[in-house]
Amino acid sequence: MTFREINSKMVEATVAPGQRLFSQRGAMLAYRGEVAFTPNVQGGQGGVMSMIGRRLANEDTPLMTVEGSGTVLFGHGGHHVQVIRLTGDTLYVEADRLLAFEGTLQQGTMFLGSQGGVMGMVRGQVSGQGLFTTTLQGHGAVAVMAHGGVFEVPITPQRPVHVDPQAYVAHHGDVRNKLSTALGWRDMVGRGSGEAFQLELSGSGAVYVQASEEKL
């Protein structure tokens, strides 16, 4: 297991020869051993297409490639850190919430409208999180950041989950998302968080919700 949760705001990662980790720039707090940190302008394992997607999403800061032999402590801004383990499925997460992830995971960028239709695009506008989201697929662990703690809510075919878009952190599984609201289009666009609109997630999987609506 690469990541070990030290406390609610810090994780320890084991770095082994022949393996790579990727982290957000500025996430390294301390390390032991022979560990090297180099900027990764290609956006992790996603290659050039992942980099282009991050550019379109105004995420120009490169990830850091972490290699060598030792242990690294990761944390950022005093935010709560949650470790999510993937077993072959895909995690959808906002790029600015990524703290670190294993190099065994394939990174990509998805346009929200491709999963949630036009409503997915509107969700990006209302939540202020942009129209793109990062995907991580395969077997491995991911450390994500949030405000005030994270709670995992199961999503089942019989029980969809409604989430405030600004409390959303990430989700995984065979899940569809759409924005539901009691307001008209003209009233909805540009409004802040609250009961006026909700992000509806249906299917089979789980969604991670943070305790605060504050953006990172």
C-alpha atoms as a PDB file:
ATOM      1  CA  MET A   1       0.000   0.000   0.000  1.00  0.00           C
ATOM      2  CA  THR A   2       1.662   3.237  -1.145  1.00  0.00           C
ATOM      3  CA  PHE A   3      -0.281   5.786   0.948  1.00  0.00           C
ATOM      4  CA  ARG A   4      -0.684   5.709   4.724  1.00  0.00           C
ATOM      5  CA  GLU A   5      -2.871   8.298   6.441  1.00  0.00           C
ATOM      6  CA  ILE A   6      -0.844   9.945   9.224  1.00  0.00           C
ATOM      7  CA  ASN A   7      -3.688  12.189  10.353  1.00  0.00           C
ATOM      8  CA  SER A   8      -6.623  13.971   8.731  1.00  0.00           C
ATOM      9  CA  LYS A   9      -4.347  16.428   6.901  1.00  0.00           C
ATOM     10  CA  MET A  10      -1.269  14.414   6.013  1.00  0.00           C
ATOM     11  CA  VAL A  11      -0.385  11.166   4.234  1.00  0.00           C
ATOM     12  CA  GLU A  12       2.882   9.248   4.024  1.00  0.00           C
ATOM     13  CA  ALA A  13       3.803   7.705   0.673  1.00  0.00           C
ATOM     14  CA  THR A  14       6.296   4.917   0.123  1.00  0.00           C
ATOM     15  CA  VAL A  15       8.498   5.445  -2.943  1.00  0.00           C
ATOM     16  CA  ALA A  16      10.191   2.332  -4.363  1.00  0.00           C
ATOM     17  CA  PRO A  17      12.697   1.909  -7.227  1.00  0.00           C
ATOM     18  CA  GLY A  18      11.000   1.406 -10.582  1.00  0.00           C
ATOM     19  CA  GLN A  19       7.731   2.998  -9.401  1.00  0.00           C
ATOM     20  CA  ARG A  20       6.467   6.545  -9.751  1.00  0.00           C
ATOM     21  CA  LEU A  21       4.103   8.831  -7.897  1.00  0.00           C
ATOM     22  CA  PHE A  22       2.630  12.097  -9.116  1.00  0.00           C
ATOM     23  CA  SER A  23       1.839  14.979  -6.763  1.00  0.00           C
ATOM     24  CA  GLN A  24       0.554  18.500  -6.862  1.00  0.00           C
ATOM     25  CA  ARG A  25       3.321  21.088  -6.855  1.00  0.00           C
ATOM     26  CA  GLY A  26       3.963  22.276  -3.304  1.00  0.00           C
ATOM     27  CA  ALA A  27       2.420  19.165  -1.723  1.00  0.00           C
ATOM     28  CA  MET A  28       5.697  17.717  -0.384  1.00  0.00           C
ATOM     29  CA  LEU A  29       6.096  18.439   3.344  1.00  0.00           C
ATOM     30  CA  ALA A  30       9.132  16.271   4.120  1.00  0.00           C
ATOM     31  CA  TYR A  31      10.871  13.138   2.900  1.00  0.00           C
ATOM     32  CA  ARG A  32      13.398  10.494   3.898  1.00  0.00           C
ATOM     33  CA  GLY A  33      15.747   8.574   1.622  1.00  0.00           C
ATOM     34  CA  GLU A  34      16.902   9.152  -1.953  1.00  0.00           C
ATOM     35  CA  VAL A  35      13.817  10.749  -3.522  1.00  0.00           C
ATOM     36  CA  ALA A  36      13.738  13.022  -6.580  1.00  0.00           C
ATOM     37  CA  PHE A  37      11.016  15.521  -7.538  1.00  0.00           C
ATOM     38  CA  THR A  38      10.803  16.737 -11.139  1.00  0.00           C
ATOM     39  CA  PRO A  39       8.084  18.743 -12.970  1.00  0.00           C
ATOM     40  CA  ASN A  40       5.922  16.629 -15.278  1.00  0.00           C
ATOM     41  CA  VAL A  41       4.680  18.895 -18.080  1.00  0.00           C
ATOM     42  CA  GLN A  42       2.797  16.056 -19.784  1.00  0.00           C
ATOM     43  CA  GLY A  43       0.230  15.713 -17.014  1.00  0.00           C
ATOM     44  CA  GLY A  44       1.108  12.391 -15.389  1.00  0.00           C
ATOM     45  CA  GLN A  45       0.358   9.118 -17.149  1.00  0.00           C
ATOM     46  CA  GLY A  46      -2.141  10.761 -19.495  1.00  0.00           C
ATOM     47  CA  GLY A  47       0.567  12.056 -21.819  1.00  0.00           C
ATOM     48  CA  VAL A  48       0.118  14.997 -24.165  1.00  0.00           C
ATOM     49  CA  MET A  49      -3.685  14.747 -24.363  1.00  0.00           C
ATOM     50  CA  SER A  50      -3.940  15.035 -20.605  1.00  0.00           C
ATOM     51  CA  MET A  51      -1.676  18.073 -20.714  1.00  0.00           C
ATOM     52  CA  ILE A  52      -3.846  19.702 -23.395  1.00  0.00           C
ATOM     53  CA  GLY A  53      -6.957  19.059 -21.342  1.00  0.00           C
ATOM     54  CA  ARG A  54      -5.365  20.665 -18.292  1.00  0.00           C
ATOM     55  CA  ARG A  55      -4.380  23.672 -20.386  1.00  0.00           C
ATOM     56  CA  LEU A  56      -7.951  24.061 -21.646  1.00  0.00           C
ATOM     57  CA  ALA A  57      -9.121  23.883 -18.057  1.00  0.00           C
ATOM     58  CA  ASN A  58      -6.661  26.673 -17.128  1.00  0.00           C
ATOM     59  CA  GLU A  59      -4.557  24.264 -15.071  1.00  0.00           C
ATOM     60  CA  ASP A  60      -1.101  25.163 -16.286  1.00  0.00           C
ATOM     61  CA  THR A  61       0.775  24.083 -13.154  1.00  0.00           C
ATOM     62  CA  PRO A  62       2.571  20.809 -13.929  1.00  0.00           C
ATOM     63  CA  LEU A  63       2.404  17.812 -11.664  1.00  0.00           C
ATOM     64  CA  MET A  64       5.556  16.670  -9.921  1.00  0.00           C
ATOM     65  CA  THR A  65       6.978  13.232 -10.690  1.00  0.00           C
ATOM     66  CA  VAL A  66       8.245  11.543  -7.521  1.00  0.00           C
ATOM     67  CA  GLU A  67      10.820   8.745  -7.913  1.00  0.00           C
ATOM     68  CA  GLY A  68      13.553   7.000  -5.943  1.00  0.00           C
ATOM     69  CA  SER A  69      13.618   5.074  -2.684  1.00  0.00           C
ATOM     70  CA  GLY A  70      12.202   6.412   0.562  1.00  0.00           C
ATOM     71  CA  THR A  71       9.096   7.934   2.128  1.00  0.00           C
ATOM     72  CA  VAL A  72       7.406  11.289   1.499  1.00  0.00           C
ATOM     73  CA  LEU A  73       4.931  13.249   3.614  1.00  0.00           C
ATOM     74  CA  PHE A  74       2.258  14.992   1.540  1.00  0.00           C
ATOM     75  CA  GLY A  75      -0.211  17.697   2.559  1.00  0.00           C
ATOM     76  CA  HIS A  76      -1.365  21.053   1.209  1.00  0.00           C
ATOM     77  CA  GLY A  77      -2.825  24.205   2.739  1.00  0.00           C
ATOM     78  CA  GLY A  78      -4.034  22.442   5.865  1.00  0.00           C
ATOM     79  CA  HIS A  79      -6.822  20.772   3.870  1.00  0.00           C
ATOM     80  CA  HIS A  80      -8.357  17.459   4.881  1.00  0.00           C
ATOM     81  CA  VAL A  81      -6.817  14.536   2.967  1.00  0.00           C
ATOM     82  CA  GLN A  82      -8.748  11.423   1.934  1.00  0.00           C
ATOM     83  CA  VAL A  83      -7.172   8.312   0.371  1.00  0.00           C
ATOM     84  CA  ILE A  84      -9.296   6.565  -2.285  1.00  0.00           C
ATOM     85  CA  ARG A  85      -8.283   3.144  -3.607  1.00  0.00           C
ATOM     86  CA  LEU A  86      -9.289   2.163  -7.134  1.00  0.00           C
ATOM     87  CA  THR A  87      -9.618  -1.443  -8.269  1.00  0.00           C
ATOM     88  CA  GLY A  88      -9.987  -1.012 -12.009  1.00  0.00           C
ATOM     89  CA  ASP A  89     -12.702   1.630 -12.159  1.00  0.00           C
ATOM     90  CA  THR A  90     -12.481   5.354 -12.940  1.00  0.00           C
ATOM     91  CA  LEU A  91     -12.361   8.213 -10.448  1.00  0.00           C
ATOM     92  CA  TYR A  92     -13.697  11.619 -11.520  1.00  0.00           C
ATOM     93  CA  VAL A  93     -12.156  14.425  -9.469  1.00  0.00           C
ATOM     94  CA  GLU A  94     -11.486  18.144  -9.830  1.00  0.00           C
ATOM     95  CA  ALA A  95      -7.802  18.636 -10.679  1.00  0.00           C
ATOM     96  CA  ASP A  96      -7.207  21.165  -7.900  1.00  0.00           C
ATOM     97  CA  ARG A  97      -8.344  18.546  -5.367  1.00  0.00           C
ATOM     98  CA  LEU A  98      -5.637  16.052  -6.355  1.00  0.00           C
ATOM     99  CA  LEU A  99      -2.874  15.823  -3.770  1.00  0.00           C
ATOM    100  CA  ALA A 100      -0.986  12.763  -5.060  1.00  0.00           C
ATOM    101  CA  PHE A 101      -1.640   9.510  -6.905  1.00  0.00           C
ATOM    102  CA  GLU A 102       0.167   6.345  -7.903  1.00  0.00           C
ATOM    103  CA  GLY A 103       1.819   6.118 -11.316  1.00  0.00           C
ATOM    104  CA  THR A 104      -0.101   2.909 -12.056  1.00  0.00           C
ATOM    105  CA  LEU A 105      -3.199   5.040 -12.711  1.00  0.00           C
ATOM    106  CA  GLN A 106      -3.947   6.450 -16.162  1.00  0.00           C
ATOM    107  CA  GLN A 107      -4.810  10.142 -16.055  1.00  0.00           C
ATOM    108  CA  GLY A 108      -7.136  11.879 -18.482  1.00  0.00           C
ATOM    109  CA  THR A 109      -9.388  14.910 -18.821  1.00  0.00           C
ATOM    110  CA  MET A 110     -13.123  14.739 -19.430  1.00  0.00           C
ATOM    111  CA  PHE A 111     -15.438  17.483 -20.641  1.00  0.00           C
ATOM    112  CA  LEU A 112     -18.330  17.515 -18.181  1.00  0.00           C
ATOM    113  CA  GLY A 113     -20.878  17.831 -20.959  1.00  0.00           C
ATOM    114  CA  SER A 114     -19.843  14.401 -22.282  1.00  0.00           C
ATOM    115  CA  GLN A 115     -21.149  12.709 -19.141  1.00  0.00           C
ATOM    116  CA  GLY A 116     -23.922  14.989 -17.979  1.00  0.00           C
ATOM    117  CA  GLY A 117     -25.050  16.430 -21.306  1.00  0.00           C
ATOM    118  CA  VAL A 118     -25.826  20.130 -21.392  1.00  0.00           C
ATOM    119  CA  MET A 119     -26.700  19.992 -17.712  1.00  0.00           C
ATOM    120  CA  GLY A 120     -23.173  18.861 -16.979  1.00  0.00           C
ATOM    121  CA  MET A 121     -21.924  22.000 -18.671  1.00  0.00           C
ATOM    122  CA  VAL A 122     -24.255  24.130 -16.571  1.00  0.00           C
ATOM    123  CA  ARG A 123     -23.017  22.377 -13.433  1.00  0.00           C
ATOM    124  CA  GLY A 124     -19.513  23.533 -14.255  1.00  0.00           C
ATOM    125  CA  GLN A 125     -20.665  27.120 -14.669  1.00  0.00           C
ATOM    126  CA  VAL A 126     -22.721  27.200 -11.465  1.00  0.00           C
ATOM    127  CA  SER A 127     -20.249  25.438  -9.212  1.00  0.00           C
ATOM    128  CA  GLY A 128     -17.338  27.515 -10.453  1.00  0.00           C
ATOM    129  CA  GLN A 129     -15.275  24.342 -10.872  1.00  0.00           C
ATOM    130  CA  GLY A 130     -14.912  24.662 -14.632  1.00  0.00           C
ATOM    131  CA  LEU A 131     -16.176  22.523 -17.507  1.00  0.00           C
ATOM    132  CA  PHE A 132     -13.392  19.938 -17.292  1.00  0.00           C
ATOM    133  CA  THR A 133     -12.713  17.297 -14.688  1.00  0.00           C
ATOM    134  CA  THR A 134      -9.765  14.935 -14.225  1.00  0.00           C
ATOM    135  CA  THR A 135     -10.137  11.167 -14.563  1.00  0.00           C
ATOM    136  CA  LEU A 136      -7.906   8.517 -12.976  1.00  0.00           C
ATOM    137  CA  GLN A 137      -8.389   4.924 -14.092  1.00  0.00           C
ATOM    138  CA  GLY A 138      -6.885   1.562 -13.127  1.00  0.00           C
ATOM    139  CA  HIS A 139      -5.553  -0.034  -9.965  1.00  0.00           C
ATOM    140  CA  GLY A 140      -3.940   2.223  -7.402  1.00  0.00           C
ATOM    141  CA  ALA A 141      -4.444   4.849  -4.714  1.00  0.00           C
ATOM    142  CA  VAL A 142      -5.293   8.549  -4.892  1.00  0.00           C
ATOM    143  CA  ALA A 143      -5.017  11.180  -2.161  1.00  0.00           C
ATOM    144  CA  VAL A 144      -7.558  13.990  -2.598  1.00  0.00           C
ATOM    145  CA  MET A 145      -8.086  17.230  -0.664  1.00  0.00           C
ATOM    146  CA  ALA A 146     -11.241  18.752   0.766  1.00  0.00           C
ATOM    147  CA  HIS A 147     -12.518  21.237   3.350  1.00  0.00           C
ATOM    148  CA  GLY A 148     -13.670  20.009   6.732  1.00  0.00           C
ATOM    149  CA  GLY A 149     -13.540  16.277   6.108  1.00  0.00           C
ATOM    150  CA  VAL A 150     -14.940  13.867   3.511  1.00  0.00           C
ATOM    151  CA  PHE A 151     -17.862  11.463   3.662  1.00  0.00           C
ATOM    152  CA  GLU A 152     -18.385   8.638   1.150  1.00  0.00           C
ATOM    153  CA  VAL A 153     -22.020   8.232   0.057  1.00  0.00           C
ATOM    154  CA  PRO A 154     -22.953   5.011  -1.816  1.00  0.00           C
ATOM    155  CA  ILE A 155     -24.906   5.367  -5.073  1.00  0.00           C
ATOM    156  CA  THR A 156     -27.236   2.512  -6.030  1.00  0.00           C
ATOM    157  CA  PRO A 157     -29.676   2.075  -8.957  1.00  0.00           C
ATOM    158  CA  GLN A 158     -32.581   2.270  -6.505  1.00  0.00           C
ATOM    159  CA  ARG A 159     -31.226   5.287  -4.626  1.00  0.00           C
ATOM    160  CA  PRO A 160     -29.632   8.199  -6.528  1.00  0.00           C
ATOM    161  CA  VAL A 161     -27.775  10.807  -4.487  1.00  0.00           C
ATOM    162  CA  HIS A 162     -28.290  14.589  -4.641  1.00  0.00           C
ATOM    163  CA  VAL A 163     -25.267  16.732  -3.763  1.00  0.00           C
ATOM    164  CA  ASP A 164     -24.639  20.449  -3.545  1.00  0.00           C
ATOM    165  CA  PRO A 165     -22.240  21.011  -6.502  1.00  0.00           C
ATOM    166  CA  GLN A 166     -19.789  22.949  -4.343  1.00  0.00           C
ATOM    167  CA  ALA A 167     -19.707  20.178  -1.727  1.00  0.00           C
ATOM    168  CA  TYR A 168     -18.799  17.632  -4.422  1.00  0.00           C
ATOM    169  CA  VAL A 169     -15.238  16.261  -4.263  1.00  0.00           C
ATOM    170  CA  ALA A 170     -15.149  13.196  -6.532  1.00  0.00           C
ATOM    171  CA  HIS A 171     -17.076  10.110  -7.603  1.00  0.00           C
ATOM    172  CA  HIS A 172     -16.368   6.689  -9.093  1.00  0.00           C
ATOM    173  CA  GLY A 173     -18.294   3.807 -10.612  1.00  0.00           C
ATOM    174  CA  ASP A 174     -20.894   3.555 -13.367  1.00  0.00           C
ATOM    175  CA  VAL A 175     -22.486   6.893 -12.509  1.00  0.00           C
ATOM    176  CA  ARG A 176     -24.368   9.534 -14.487  1.00  0.00           C
ATOM    177  CA  ASN A 177     -24.588  13.139 -13.325  1.00  0.00           C
ATOM    178  CA  LYS A 178     -27.068  15.869 -14.098  1.00  0.00           C
ATOM    179  CA  LEU A 179     -28.041  19.174 -12.557  1.00  0.00           C
ATOM    180  CA  SER A 180     -31.574  19.332 -11.192  1.00  0.00           C
ATOM    181  CA  THR A 181     -33.290  22.549 -10.162  1.00  0.00           C
ATOM    182  CA  ALA A 182     -36.684  24.034  -9.468  1.00  0.00           C
ATOM    183  CA  LEU A 183     -35.662  27.250 -11.196  1.00  0.00           C
ATOM    184  CA  GLY A 184     -35.646  28.221 -14.836  1.00  0.00           C
ATOM    185  CA  TRP A 185     -32.465  28.443 -16.912  1.00  0.00           C
ATOM    186  CA  ARG A 186     -32.227  32.219 -16.610  1.00  0.00           C
ATOM    187  CA  ASP A 187     -32.562  32.106 -12.828  1.00  0.00           C
ATOM    188  CA  MET A 188     -30.188  29.177 -12.374  1.00  0.00           C
ATOM    189  CA  VAL A 189     -27.047  30.326 -14.225  1.00  0.00           C
ATOM    190  CA  GLY A 190     -24.830  32.468 -12.055  1.00  0.00           C
ATOM    191  CA  ARG A 191     -26.435  31.556  -8.733  1.00  0.00           C
ATOM    192  CA  GLY A 192     -24.330  30.355  -5.841  1.00  0.00           C
ATOM    193  CA  SER A 193     -24.583  27.187  -3.811  1.00  0.00           C
ATOM    194  CA  GLY A 194     -27.797  26.146  -2.074  1.00  0.00           C
ATOM    195  CA  GLU A 195     -31.134  24.455  -2.482  1.00  0.00           C
ATOM    196  CA  ALA A 196     -31.802  26.259  -5.801  1.00  0.00           C
ATOM    197  CA  PHE A 197     -29.941  23.475  -7.639  1.00  0.00           C
ATOM    198  CA  GLN A 198     -28.479  20.072  -6.895  1.00  0.00           C
ATOM    199  CA  LEU A 199     -26.152  17.645  -8.603  1.00  0.00           C
ATOM    200  CA  GLU A 200     -27.969  14.336  -9.087  1.00  0.00           C
ATOM    201  CA  LEU A 201     -25.796  11.213  -9.356  1.00  0.00           C
ATOM    202  CA  SER A 202     -27.430   7.938 -10.368  1.00  0.00           C
ATOM    203  CA  GLY A 203     -26.193   4.430 -11.162  1.00  0.00           C
ATOM    204  CA  SER A 204     -23.783   2.290  -9.140  1.00  0.00           C
ATOM    205  CA  GLY A 205     -20.761   3.700  -7.321  1.00  0.00           C
ATOM    206  CA  ALA A 206     -19.986   6.289  -4.667  1.00  0.00           C
ATOM    207  CA  VAL A 207     -19.638  10.049  -4.332  1.00  0.00           C
ATOM    208  CA  TYR A 208     -17.304  11.853  -1.930  1.00  0.00           C
ATOM    209  CA  VAL A 209     -18.779  14.938  -0.243  1.00  0.00           C
ATOM    210  CA  GLN A 210     -16.873  17.545   1.727  1.00  0.00           C
ATOM    211  CA  ALA A 211     -18.162  19.150   4.937  1.00  0.00           C
ATOM    212  CA  SER A 212     -17.717  22.700   3.646  1.00  0.00           C
ATOM    213  CA  GLU A 213     -18.771  24.462   0.458  1.00  0.00           C
ATOM    214  CA  GLU A 214     -15.563  26.507   0.432  1.00  0.00           C
ATOM    215  CA  LYS A 215     -13.489  26.171  -2.745  1.00  0.00           C
ATOM    216  CA  LEU A 216      -9.837  25.131  -2.592  1.00  0.00           C
END
